[in-house]
C-alpha atoms as a PDB file:
ATOM      1  CA  UNK A   1      34.393  -4.940   6.521  1.00  0.00           C
ATOM      2  CA  UNK A   2      31.656  -2.364   5.877  1.00  0.00           C
ATOM      3  CA  UNK A   3      29.543  -2.930   2.827  1.00  0.00           C
ATOM      4  CA  UNK A   4      30.514  -0.771  -0.151  1.00  0.00           C
ATOM      5  CA  UNK A   5      28.424   2.237  -0.992  1.00  0.00           C
ATOM      6  CA  UNK A   6      25.949   1.645  -3.797  1.00  0.00           C
ATOM      7  CA  UNK A   7      26.849   2.870  -7.252  1.00  0.00           C
ATOM      8  CA  UNK A   8      24.549   5.572  -8.585  1.00  0.00           C
ATOM      9  CA  UNK A   9      24.053   5.686 -12.311  1.00  0.00           C
ATOM     10  CA  UNK A  10      21.845   7.704 -14.624  1.00  0.00           C
ATOM     11  CA  UNK A  11      21.845   6.503 -18.243  1.00  0.00           C
ATOM     12  CA  UNK A  12      22.413   9.168 -20.892  1.00  0.00           C
ATOM     13  CA  UNK A  13      18.921   8.664 -22.294  1.00  0.00           C
ATOM     14  CA  UNK A  14      17.464   9.344 -18.836  1.00  0.00           C
ATOM     15  CA  UNK A  15      19.189  12.592 -17.848  1.00  0.00           C
ATOM     16  CA  UNK A  16      17.124  15.605 -16.890  1.00  0.00           C
ATOM     17  CA  UNK A  17      13.837  16.211 -15.111  1.00  0.00           C
ATOM     18  CA  UNK A  18      10.792  14.008 -15.090  1.00  0.00           C
ATOM     19  CA  UNK A  19       8.628  14.610 -18.164  1.00  0.00           C
ATOM     20  CA  UNK A  20       5.668  15.806 -16.088  1.00  0.00           C
ATOM     21  CA  UNK A  21       7.822  18.188 -14.023  1.00  0.00           C
ATOM     22  CA  UNK A  22       7.227  15.851 -11.070  1.00  0.00           C
ATOM     23  CA  UNK A  23       9.843  16.523  -8.367  1.00  0.00           C
ATOM     24  CA  UNK A  24       9.753  12.859  -7.272  1.00  0.00           C
ATOM     25  CA  UNK A  25      12.927  10.894  -7.893  1.00  0.00           C
ATOM     26  CA  UNK A  26      12.427   7.332  -9.190  1.00  0.00           C
ATOM     27  CA  UNK A  27      15.219   4.851  -8.519  1.00  0.00           C
ATOM     28  CA  UNK A  28      15.772   1.206  -9.395  1.00  0.00           C
ATOM     29  CA  UNK A  29      17.669  -0.376  -6.505  1.00  0.00           C
ATOM     30  CA  UNK A  30      19.431  -3.717  -6.981  1.00  0.00           C
ATOM     31  CA  UNK A  31      20.050  -5.888  -3.917  1.00  0.00           C
ATOM     32  CA  UNK A  32      21.957  -9.146  -3.692  1.00  0.00           C
ATOM     33  CA  UNK A  33      19.507 -11.752  -2.435  1.00  0.00           C
ATOM     34  CA  UNK A  34      19.176 -11.654   1.372  1.00  0.00           C
ATOM     35  CA  UNK A  35      21.065  -8.341   1.671  1.00  0.00           C
ATOM     36  CA  UNK A  36      19.782  -5.091   3.174  1.00  0.00           C
ATOM     37  CA  UNK A  37      22.021  -2.623   1.335  1.00  0.00           C
ATOM     38  CA  UNK A  38      21.655  -2.012  -2.400  1.00  0.00           C
ATOM     39  CA  UNK A  39      24.588  -2.838  -4.654  1.00  0.00           C
ATOM     40  CA  UNK A  40      23.524  -0.305  -7.256  1.00  0.00           C
ATOM     41  CA  UNK A  41      20.912   2.404  -7.536  1.00  0.00           C
ATOM     42  CA  UNK A  42      19.903   3.703 -10.961  1.00  0.00           C
ATOM     43  CA  UNK A  43      18.125   7.047 -11.318  1.00  0.00           C
ATOM     44  CA  UNK A  44      15.301   6.505 -13.812  1.00  0.00           C
ATOM     45  CA  UNK A  45      13.330   9.659 -12.917  1.00  0.00           C
ATOM     46  CA  UNK A  46      13.015  11.053 -16.454  1.00  0.00           C
ATOM     47  CA  UNK A  47      10.835   8.098 -17.440  1.00  0.00           C
ATOM     48  CA  UNK A  48       8.146   9.674 -15.275  1.00  0.00           C
ATOM     49  CA  UNK A  49       5.357   8.625 -12.969  1.00  0.00           C
ATOM     50  CA  UNK A  50       2.832   7.810 -15.700  1.00  0.00           C
ATOM     51  CA  UNK A  51       5.053   5.167 -17.318  1.00  0.00           C
ATOM     52  CA  UNK A  52       5.924   3.563 -13.983  1.00  0.00           C
ATOM     53  CA  UNK A  53       2.285   3.670 -12.885  1.00  0.00           C
ATOM     54  CA  UNK A  54       1.293   1.782 -16.021  1.00  0.00           C
ATOM     55  CA  UNK A  55       4.126  -0.731 -15.588  1.00  0.00           C
ATOM     56  CA  UNK A  56       3.225  -1.449 -11.950  1.00  0.00           C
ATOM     57  CA  UNK A  57      -0.563  -1.036 -12.270  1.00  0.00           C
ATOM     58  CA  UNK A  58      -0.547   1.637  -9.551  1.00  0.00           C
ATOM     59  CA  UNK A  59      -2.247   5.029 -10.005  1.00  0.00           C
ATOM     60  CA  UNK A  60       0.417   7.679 -10.711  1.00  0.00           C
ATOM     61  CA  UNK A  61      -0.711   9.843  -7.802  1.00  0.00           C
ATOM     62  CA  UNK A  62      -0.177   6.888  -5.438  1.00  0.00           C
ATOM     63  CA  UNK A  63       3.298   6.022  -6.692  1.00  0.00           C
ATOM     64  CA  UNK A  64       4.983   7.111  -3.451  1.00  0.00           C
ATOM     65  CA  UNK A  65       6.486   3.969  -1.982  1.00  0.00           C
ATOM     66  CA  UNK A  66       8.875   1.089  -2.714  1.00  0.00           C
ATOM     67  CA  UNK A  67       7.677  -1.519  -5.213  1.00  0.00           C
ATOM     68  CA  UNK A  68       9.270  -4.921  -5.837  1.00  0.00           C
ATOM     69  CA  UNK A  69      10.088  -5.546  -9.483  1.00  0.00           C
ATOM     70  CA  UNK A  70       9.085  -9.024 -10.600  1.00  0.00           C
ATOM     71  CA  UNK A  71       9.531 -11.064 -13.793  1.00  0.00           C
ATOM     72  CA  UNK A  72       6.372  -9.562 -15.296  1.00  0.00           C
ATOM     73  CA  UNK A  73       7.974  -6.076 -15.033  1.00  0.00           C
ATOM     74  CA  UNK A  74      11.341  -7.001 -16.567  1.00  0.00           C
ATOM     75  CA  UNK A  75      10.603  -6.416 -20.270  1.00  0.00           C
ATOM     76  CA  UNK A  76       8.684  -3.192 -19.693  1.00  0.00           C
ATOM     77  CA  UNK A  77      11.348  -1.792 -17.373  1.00  0.00           C
ATOM     78  CA  UNK A  78      14.093  -2.629 -19.866  1.00  0.00           C
ATOM     79  CA  UNK A  79      12.146  -0.939 -22.684  1.00  0.00           C
ATOM     80  CA  UNK A  80      11.582   2.187 -20.583  1.00  0.00           C
ATOM     81  CA  UNK A  81      14.989   2.524 -18.942  1.00  0.00           C
ATOM     82  CA  UNK A  82      17.529   0.185 -20.512  1.00  0.00           C
ATOM     83  CA  UNK A  83      17.935  -1.518 -17.115  1.00  0.00           C
ATOM     84  CA  UNK A  84      18.020  -5.306 -17.449  1.00  0.00           C
ATOM     85  CA  UNK A  85      16.965  -7.367 -14.439  1.00  0.00           C
ATOM     86  CA  UNK A  86      18.928 -10.461 -13.371  1.00  0.00           C
ATOM     87  CA  UNK A  87      16.243 -11.877 -11.099  1.00  0.00           C
ATOM     88  CA  UNK A  88      18.119 -15.136 -10.535  1.00  0.00           C
ATOM     89  CA  UNK A  89      20.880 -13.321  -8.643  1.00  0.00           C
ATOM     90  CA  UNK A  90      19.320 -10.073  -7.429  1.00  0.00           C
ATOM     91  CA  UNK A  91      16.155  -8.488  -6.085  1.00  0.00           C
ATOM     92  CA  UNK A  92      15.058  -5.163  -7.580  1.00  0.00           C
ATOM     93  CA  UNK A  93      12.812  -2.413  -6.303  1.00  0.00           C
ATOM     94  CA  UNK A  94      11.441   0.786  -7.770  1.00  0.00           C
ATOM     95  CA  UNK A  95      11.743   3.443  -5.101  1.00  0.00           C
ATOM     96  CA  UNK A  96       9.880   6.744  -5.252  1.00  0.00           C
ATOM     97  CA  UNK A  97      11.565   9.489  -3.232  1.00  0.00           C
ATOM     98  CA  UNK A  98      10.089  12.919  -2.675  1.00  0.00           C
ATOM     99  CA  UNK A  99      12.488  15.638  -3.800  1.00  0.00           C
END
């Protein structure tokens, strides 16, 4: 049976363009442990590069890759996006995609 397509979700508080006008799309992808296909993908682009750069301690202009989200990111990510991480069951990544 093929794996189901991931669910894409954009919370109401996160609709619209990135605050800086950055065309990059920022996504939080949730994977079941040991799986290669995401179960869900949440568009968190409107939070913007600067907030994610601060959260991940990566310069905003270098935020162009996939970053694992760890326990130390959970509270900050939830505050910024409303996305809660269940790190016991899933692995999460912030993915930056050029528009």
